[in-house]
Amino acid sequence: MSDAITTIDDLKQLVQAFVDERDWRKFHTPKNLAMSIAIEAAELMEHFQWLDSPERAADAAEHDRDAIGEELADILCYALSFASVMEIDVSTALRDKMKKNAVKYPADRFRGRFR
């Protein structure tokens, strides 16, 4: 199923079913999940480590697309499990954060710049 028709709740349920089938819920503490997110993010970064130009990074991304997708999926699995354990509504949290970001980084002042 594609992003266009899959809900966040569908994904949360998919991850939770996987965890429950293996009786791993006892290991999915906020600390362990937060650490796992960071570890998987580091594994994603490894695909781009030591690449000294945007062109080389783009080439690596294209060449390693499947492996990069797997790392991203690992991050999402842990993030969705974290949201479930912490009872965080991902859609609400993201929308609220984007509202704060819009105030902190107004488009008319930050368009095309990062500072």
Protein backbone atom coordinates (compact mmCIF):
# COMPACT_ATOMS: atom_id res chain seq x y z
CA MET A 1 0.00 0.00 0.00
CA SER A 2 1.18 3.49 -0.75
CA ASP A 3 1.59 6.53 1.47
CA ALA A 4 -1.48 8.04 -0.18
CA ILE A 5 -3.82 5.45 1.29
CA THR A 6 -2.04 4.20 4.42
CA THR A 7 -2.81 5.91 7.71
CA ILE A 8 -0.38 6.43 10.55
CA ASP A 9 -2.66 4.26 12.66
CA ASP A 10 -2.36 1.46 10.08
CA LEU A 11 1.43 1.63 10.42
CA LYS A 12 1.30 1.77 14.22
CA GLN A 13 -0.90 -1.33 14.25
CA LEU A 14 1.43 -3.15 11.83
CA VAL A 15 4.44 -2.46 14.06
CA GLN A 16 2.54 -3.34 17.24
CA ALA A 17 1.36 -6.65 15.78
CA PHE A 18 4.97 -7.52 14.89
CA VAL A 19 6.11 -6.63 18.42
CA ASP A 20 3.26 -8.52 20.09
CA GLU A 21 3.79 -11.67 18.00
CA ARG A 22 7.31 -11.85 19.45
CA ASP A 23 6.36 -10.81 23.00
CA TRP A 24 8.75 -7.86 22.79
CA ARG A 25 6.50 -5.25 24.38
CA LYS A 26 8.38 -5.66 27.68
CA PHE A 27 11.56 -4.49 25.94
CA HIS A 28 9.93 -1.50 24.26
CA THR A 29 10.46 1.04 26.99
CA PRO A 30 10.73 4.73 26.12
CA LYS A 31 14.48 4.63 26.88
CA ASN A 32 15.15 1.58 24.72
CA LEU A 33 13.05 2.91 21.86
CA ALA A 34 14.66 6.37 21.99
CA MET A 35 18.10 4.75 21.91
CA SER A 36 17.04 2.50 19.02
CA ILE A 37 15.84 5.52 17.02
CA ALA A 38 19.23 7.18 17.50
CA ILE A 39 21.12 4.00 16.58
CA GLU A 40 19.11 3.50 13.39
CA ALA A 41 19.53 7.18 12.49
CA ALA A 42 23.29 6.70 12.80
CA GLU A 43 23.06 3.70 10.47
CA LEU A 44 21.24 5.90 7.96
CA MET A 45 23.97 8.53 8.25
CA GLU A 46 26.63 5.92 7.48
CA HIS A 47 25.40 5.83 3.88
CA PHE A 48 26.51 9.46 3.48
CA GLN A 49 29.57 9.52 5.72
CA TRP A 50 32.73 10.85 4.08
CA LEU A 51 30.96 12.01 0.93
CA ASP A 52 32.45 15.41 0.24
CA SER A 53 30.02 16.83 -2.29
CA PRO A 54 26.28 17.00 -2.88
CA GLU A 55 26.77 15.15 -6.16
CA ARG A 56 28.49 12.20 -4.49
CA ALA A 57 25.80 12.12 -1.80
CA ALA A 58 23.10 12.08 -4.48
CA ASP A 59 24.90 9.27 -6.31
CA ALA A 60 25.18 7.27 -3.08
CA ALA A 61 21.51 7.83 -2.32
CA GLU A 62 20.53 6.57 -5.76
CA HIS A 63 22.89 3.59 -5.63
CA ASP A 64 21.91 2.57 -2.07
CA ARG A 65 18.21 3.48 -2.30
CA ASP A 66 16.97 0.08 -1.06
CA ALA A 67 19.38 -0.05 1.89
CA ILE A 68 18.62 3.58 2.76
CA GLY A 69 14.91 2.77 2.61
CA GLU A 70 15.44 -0.10 5.04
CA GLU A 71 17.23 2.20 7.50
CA LEU A 72 14.43 4.74 7.22
CA ALA A 73 11.90 1.95 7.83
CA ASP A 74 13.81 0.90 10.96
CA ILE A 75 13.68 4.48 12.25
CA LEU A 76 9.96 4.70 11.52
CA CYS A 77 9.24 1.36 13.20
CA TYR A 78 10.92 2.49 16.39
CA ALA A 79 9.38 5.98 16.21
CA LEU A 80 5.88 4.56 15.77
CA SER A 81 6.42 2.10 18.60
CA PHE A 82 7.70 4.99 20.75
CA ALA A 83 4.57 6.99 19.92
CA SER A 84 2.39 4.04 20.92
CA VAL A 85 4.21 3.46 24.22
CA MET A 86 4.13 7.18 25.06
CA GLU A 87 0.53 7.54 23.84
CA ILE A 88 1.53 10.34 21.47
CA ASP A 89 -0.78 11.12 18.58
CA VAL A 90 1.76 11.52 15.79
CA SER A 91 -0.48 13.65 13.56
CA THR A 92 -1.25 16.09 16.36
CA ALA A 93 2.38 16.26 17.50
CA LEU A 94 3.61 16.92 13.96
CA ARG A 95 0.98 19.54 13.20
CA ASP A 96 1.67 21.34 16.50
CA LYS A 97 5.41 21.30 15.83
CA MET A 98 4.97 22.66 12.30
CA LYS A 99 2.90 25.54 13.71
CA LYS A 100 5.72 26.35 16.15
CA ASN A 101 8.28 26.08 13.34
CA ALA A 102 6.25 28.47 11.18
CA VAL A 103 6.45 31.08 13.95
CA LYS A 104 10.13 30.41 14.64
CA TYR A 105 11.10 30.39 10.94
CA PRO A 106 8.74 32.72 9.05
CA ALA A 107 8.83 32.00 5.32
CA ASP A 108 9.38 35.63 4.35
CA ARG A 109 12.60 35.73 6.43
CA PHE A 110 13.94 32.22 5.85
CA ARG A 111 13.04 31.38 2.25
CA GLY A 112 16.12 29.88 0.63
CA ARG A 113 18.25 30.28 3.78
CA PHE A 114 18.87 28.27 6.92
CA ARG A 115 19.88 31.15 9.20
